[in-house]
Amino acid sequence: MKERRKDERVKVELEASWEGALTQLGGSIVDLSTSGCFVLTDDKVKVGELIRVIIHQPQQDDLYIWGEVVYQIPEMGFAVRFTGADDADTKQLELIVKAELYGAKKSEAKD
């Protein structure tokens, strides 16, 4: 399968919730980039659904990012392509990804 992602991804464990048109549910983000994420959850969403992802950060404000569900794996989770956020949340997301990439590369160098 051809890799469709254009941005570097990092493995993370971040608590998250999301809001759809009629509901608010929760899960964990396990894969993150500046353009999207994968949310581990058994809750259902629909491909094409527009949602607001809320990333809960320890000791910092939550990030609010709009996105579109691009695929779903039943009883496992779903992928979101980010479509918009305010400047502060976008910059904080970039910092999280850069910090995780730096940590991963530093860990590889030790091995």
Protein backbone atom coordinates (compact mmCIF):
# COMPACT_ATOMS: atom_id res chain seq x y z
CA MET A 1 0.00 0.00 0.00
CA LYS A 2 1.32 3.43 -0.92
CA GLU A 3 2.02 5.78 1.99
CA ARG A 4 -0.38 8.74 1.69
CA ARG A 5 0.88 10.73 4.64
CA LYS A 6 3.06 13.72 3.88
CA ASP A 7 4.04 14.71 7.42
CA GLU A 8 6.25 12.81 9.85
CA ARG A 9 4.28 10.79 12.37
CA VAL A 10 5.09 10.02 15.97
CA LYS A 11 3.85 7.34 18.32
CA VAL A 12 2.20 8.94 21.34
CA GLU A 13 -0.22 8.17 24.14
CA LEU A 14 -2.43 11.21 24.59
CA GLU A 15 -5.88 11.30 26.09
CA ALA A 16 -8.41 12.77 23.70
CA SER A 17 -12.07 13.32 23.18
CA TRP A 18 -14.02 14.42 20.16
CA GLU A 19 -17.30 16.06 19.41
CA GLY A 20 -19.51 15.18 16.51
CA ALA A 21 -22.87 16.65 15.58
CA LEU A 22 -24.72 14.76 18.29
CA THR A 23 -22.19 13.36 20.74
CA GLN A 24 -18.95 13.74 22.67
CA LEU A 25 -16.80 10.63 23.19
CA GLY A 26 -13.29 9.73 24.28
CA GLY A 27 -10.24 7.65 23.44
CA SER A 28 -6.46 7.81 23.09
CA ILE A 29 -4.36 9.25 20.29
CA VAL A 30 -1.65 6.72 19.45
CA ASP A 31 -0.30 8.16 16.20
CA LEU A 32 0.09 11.90 15.56
CA SER A 33 1.37 14.30 12.92
CA THR A 34 0.71 17.94 12.19
CA SER A 35 -1.85 16.88 9.58
CA GLY A 36 -3.77 14.16 11.43
CA CYS A 37 -3.96 11.40 14.00
CA PHE A 38 -5.27 7.94 14.81
CA VAL A 39 -7.66 7.67 17.75
CA LEU A 40 -7.81 4.33 19.54
CA THR A 41 -11.41 3.74 20.66
CA ASP A 42 -14.31 1.38 20.21
CA ASP A 43 -16.74 4.25 19.68
CA LYS A 44 -18.18 4.61 16.20
CA VAL A 45 -17.79 7.46 13.74
CA LYS A 46 -18.59 7.73 10.06
CA VAL A 47 -16.06 8.24 7.28
CA GLY A 48 -16.41 11.83 6.09
CA GLU A 49 -17.79 13.01 9.44
CA LEU A 50 -16.50 16.39 10.59
CA ILE A 51 -15.45 16.35 14.23
CA ARG A 52 -13.60 18.50 16.72
CA VAL A 53 -10.71 16.65 18.33
CA ILE A 54 -9.73 17.74 21.83
CA ILE A 55 -6.22 16.69 22.84
CA HIS A 56 -5.84 16.66 26.61
CA GLN A 57 -2.32 17.64 27.65
CA PRO A 58 -0.99 17.16 31.13
CA GLN A 59 -0.16 20.50 32.77
CA GLN A 60 -1.23 22.51 29.69
CA ASP A 61 -4.43 23.71 28.07
CA ASP A 62 -6.36 21.35 25.82
CA LEU A 63 -5.87 21.65 22.06
CA TYR A 64 -8.96 22.00 19.87
CA ILE A 65 -8.52 20.88 16.27
CA TRP A 66 -11.17 20.33 13.58
CA GLY A 67 -10.85 17.31 11.37
CA GLU A 68 -12.49 14.88 9.00
CA VAL A 69 -12.68 11.14 9.62
CA VAL A 70 -10.82 9.50 6.72
CA TYR A 71 -11.17 5.85 7.71
CA GLN A 72 -12.41 3.69 10.54
CA ILE A 73 -11.43 0.24 11.80
CA PRO A 74 -14.42 -1.25 13.66
CA GLU A 75 -13.86 -1.79 17.40
CA MET A 76 -10.32 -0.36 17.11
CA GLY A 77 -10.41 3.31 16.14
CA PHE A 78 -10.33 5.86 13.37
CA ALA A 79 -8.05 8.23 11.50
CA VAL A 80 -8.62 11.97 11.26
CA ARG A 81 -7.17 14.47 8.78
CA PHE A 82 -6.93 17.83 10.49
CA THR A 83 -8.73 20.62 8.67
CA GLY A 84 -8.36 23.62 10.97
CA ALA A 85 -7.37 25.07 14.31
CA ASP A 86 -6.53 28.49 15.68
CA ASP A 87 -2.90 29.65 15.46
CA ALA A 88 -2.05 28.90 19.09
CA ASP A 89 -3.35 25.32 18.88
CA THR A 90 -1.58 24.78 15.54
CA LYS A 91 1.72 25.97 17.00
CA GLN A 92 1.29 23.80 20.11
CA LEU A 93 0.56 20.76 17.92
CA GLU A 94 3.75 21.44 15.94
CA LEU A 95 5.72 21.65 19.21
CA ILE A 96 4.32 18.33 20.45
CA VAL A 97 5.25 16.57 17.21
CA LYS A 98 8.74 18.13 17.10
CA ALA A 99 9.39 17.19 20.74
CA GLU A 100 8.30 13.59 20.14
CA LEU A 101 10.42 13.36 16.98
CA TYR A 102 13.42 14.74 18.86
CA GLY A 103 12.90 12.27 21.70
CA ALA A 104 12.57 9.34 19.27
CA LYS A 105 15.74 10.29 17.39
CA LYS A 106 17.64 10.78 20.63
CA SER A 107 16.49 7.35 21.81
CA GLU A 108 17.58 5.75 18.51
CA ALA A 109 21.02 7.34 18.84
CA LYS A 110 21.47 5.65 22.23
CA ASP A 111 20.66 2.22 20.78
